[in-house]
Protein backbone atom coordinates (compact mmCIF):
# COMPACT_ATOMS: atom_id res chain seq x y z
CA MET A 1 0.00 0.00 0.00
CA THR A 2 2.90 2.36 0.70
CA ARG A 3 4.12 2.06 -2.90
CA LEU A 4 0.64 2.85 -4.23
CA LYS A 5 0.34 5.95 -2.05
CA ASP A 6 3.79 7.11 -3.13
CA LEU A 7 2.97 6.56 -6.81
CA LEU A 8 -0.31 8.48 -6.57
CA ILE A 9 1.39 11.42 -4.85
CA LYS A 10 4.13 11.51 -7.50
CA LEU A 11 1.65 11.34 -10.40
CA ALA A 12 0.10 14.61 -9.24
CA GLN A 13 3.52 16.25 -9.03
CA GLU A 14 4.40 15.58 -12.67
CA PRO A 15 3.49 18.54 -14.90
CA ASP A 16 2.31 16.30 -17.75
CA ALA A 17 0.47 13.68 -15.68
CA TYR A 18 -2.52 14.48 -13.47
CA ASP A 19 -3.81 17.67 -11.86
CA VAL A 20 -4.60 15.83 -8.66
CA THR A 21 -4.88 12.26 -7.45
CA GLY A 22 -6.98 10.78 -4.68
CA LEU A 23 -7.35 7.58 -2.73
CA ILE A 24 -10.24 6.01 -0.84
CA ILE A 25 -9.41 3.19 1.54
CA THR A 26 -12.18 0.97 2.86
CA GLU A 27 -12.40 -1.76 5.43
CA TRP A 28 -14.89 -4.62 5.02
CA ILE A 29 -16.37 -5.88 8.29
CA ASP A 30 -18.49 -8.99 8.89
CA PRO A 31 -21.40 -9.11 11.38
CA SER A 32 -19.11 -10.20 14.23
CA GLY A 33 -17.04 -7.03 13.80
CA THR A 34 -14.10 -8.85 12.24
CA THR A 35 -12.29 -7.22 9.33
CA ILE A 36 -12.57 -9.32 6.19
CA ASP A 37 -9.11 -9.77 4.68
CA GLU A 38 -10.21 -11.96 1.80
CA ASP A 39 -12.59 -11.20 -1.03
CA ALA A 40 -16.14 -10.84 0.29
CA GLU A 41 -17.59 -12.29 -2.91
CA GLY A 42 -20.50 -14.60 -2.31
CA ARG A 43 -21.48 -13.04 1.01
CA PRO A 44 -24.90 -11.42 1.14
CA VAL A 45 -24.60 -7.62 1.10
CA GLU A 46 -26.50 -7.28 4.36
CA GLU A 47 -23.80 -9.33 6.09
CA VAL A 48 -20.97 -6.97 5.21
CA THR A 49 -20.37 -3.43 6.44
CA VAL A 50 -18.03 -1.11 4.57
CA LYS A 51 -16.16 1.46 6.63
CA LEU A 52 -14.22 4.35 5.11
CA ARG A 53 -10.69 4.78 6.47
CA PRO A 54 -9.68 8.45 5.90
CA ASP A 55 -7.12 8.06 8.70
CA ALA A 56 -5.16 5.68 6.46
CA VAL A 57 -4.94 8.19 3.57
CA PRO A 58 -2.11 10.75 3.35
CA PRO A 59 -3.31 14.40 3.33
CA GLN A 60 -2.21 14.85 -0.32
CA LEU A 61 -4.60 12.06 -1.40
CA ARG A 62 -7.68 12.83 0.70
CA VAL A 63 -11.03 13.12 -1.05
CA ASP A 64 -11.72 16.66 0.19
CA ARG A 65 -8.43 17.90 -1.26
CA PHE A 66 -9.10 16.02 -4.52
CA LEU A 67 -12.52 17.62 -5.00
CA GLU A 68 -11.36 21.10 -4.00
CA THR A 69 -8.44 20.92 -6.44
CA MET A 70 -10.62 19.63 -9.27
CA ILE A 71 -13.13 22.45 -8.79
CA ASP A 72 -10.33 25.02 -8.69
CA ARG A 73 -8.77 23.65 -11.88
CA VAL A 74 -12.08 23.66 -13.74
CA LEU A 75 -12.73 27.27 -12.72
CA VAL A 76 -9.23 28.37 -13.71
CA ARG A 77 -9.55 26.75 -17.15
CA THR A 78 -13.01 27.99 -18.07
CA PRO A 79 -14.18 31.52 -18.91
CA VAL A 80 -15.60 33.58 -16.05
CA ASN A 81 -19.11 33.41 -17.53
CA ILE A 82 -19.16 29.62 -17.12
CA HIS A 83 -19.95 28.19 -13.66
CA VAL A 84 -20.94 31.65 -12.41
CA GLN A 85 -22.94 30.35 -9.44
CA VAL A 86 -20.07 28.09 -8.36
CA ARG A 87 -17.64 31.00 -8.52
CA GLU A 88 -20.00 33.19 -6.49
CA ARG A 89 -20.47 30.52 -3.82
CA ARG A 90 -16.78 29.73 -3.61
CA ASP A 91 -15.70 33.36 -3.34
CA GLY A 92 -18.72 34.65 -1.39
CA THR A 93 -19.27 37.47 -3.87
CA HIS A 94 -21.70 38.41 -6.62
CA LEU A 95 -20.45 38.45 -10.20
CA PRO A 96 -22.19 41.03 -12.38
CA ILE A 97 -22.35 38.65 -15.36
CA GLU A 98 -24.80 36.08 -16.65
CA GLU A 99 -24.11 32.40 -17.11
CA ALA A 100 -23.12 31.56 -20.68
CA GLU A 101 -25.17 29.08 -22.66
CA THR A 102 -23.25 25.81 -22.52
CA GLY A 103 -25.91 23.41 -23.65
CA ALA A 104 -25.98 21.87 -20.19
CA PRO A 105 -29.39 21.38 -18.56
CA GLU A 106 -30.39 23.71 -15.73
CA PRO A 107 -30.07 22.18 -12.23
């Protein structure tokens, strides 16, 4: 797992690779509270609990950082009249422009 974490961190540092990388680590637990080390295939879904393990993820690979970076990169790469409401919410200000027609459906 250490090699995977290291690789993911390095991929985001390369200028021609990825803007950001992220990692989600889960733990599968059976009804007795025991962590399942082997594949849980064949077990009924109601017999397995999936627990997220953010404590096992380095800060550079956490989901919150991944999403924040992706949103920032999209906003940097698109014109100011695209994603107007997102920009206003992120910055806490009002932009005196209207959203451009992008062909995307209204939320």
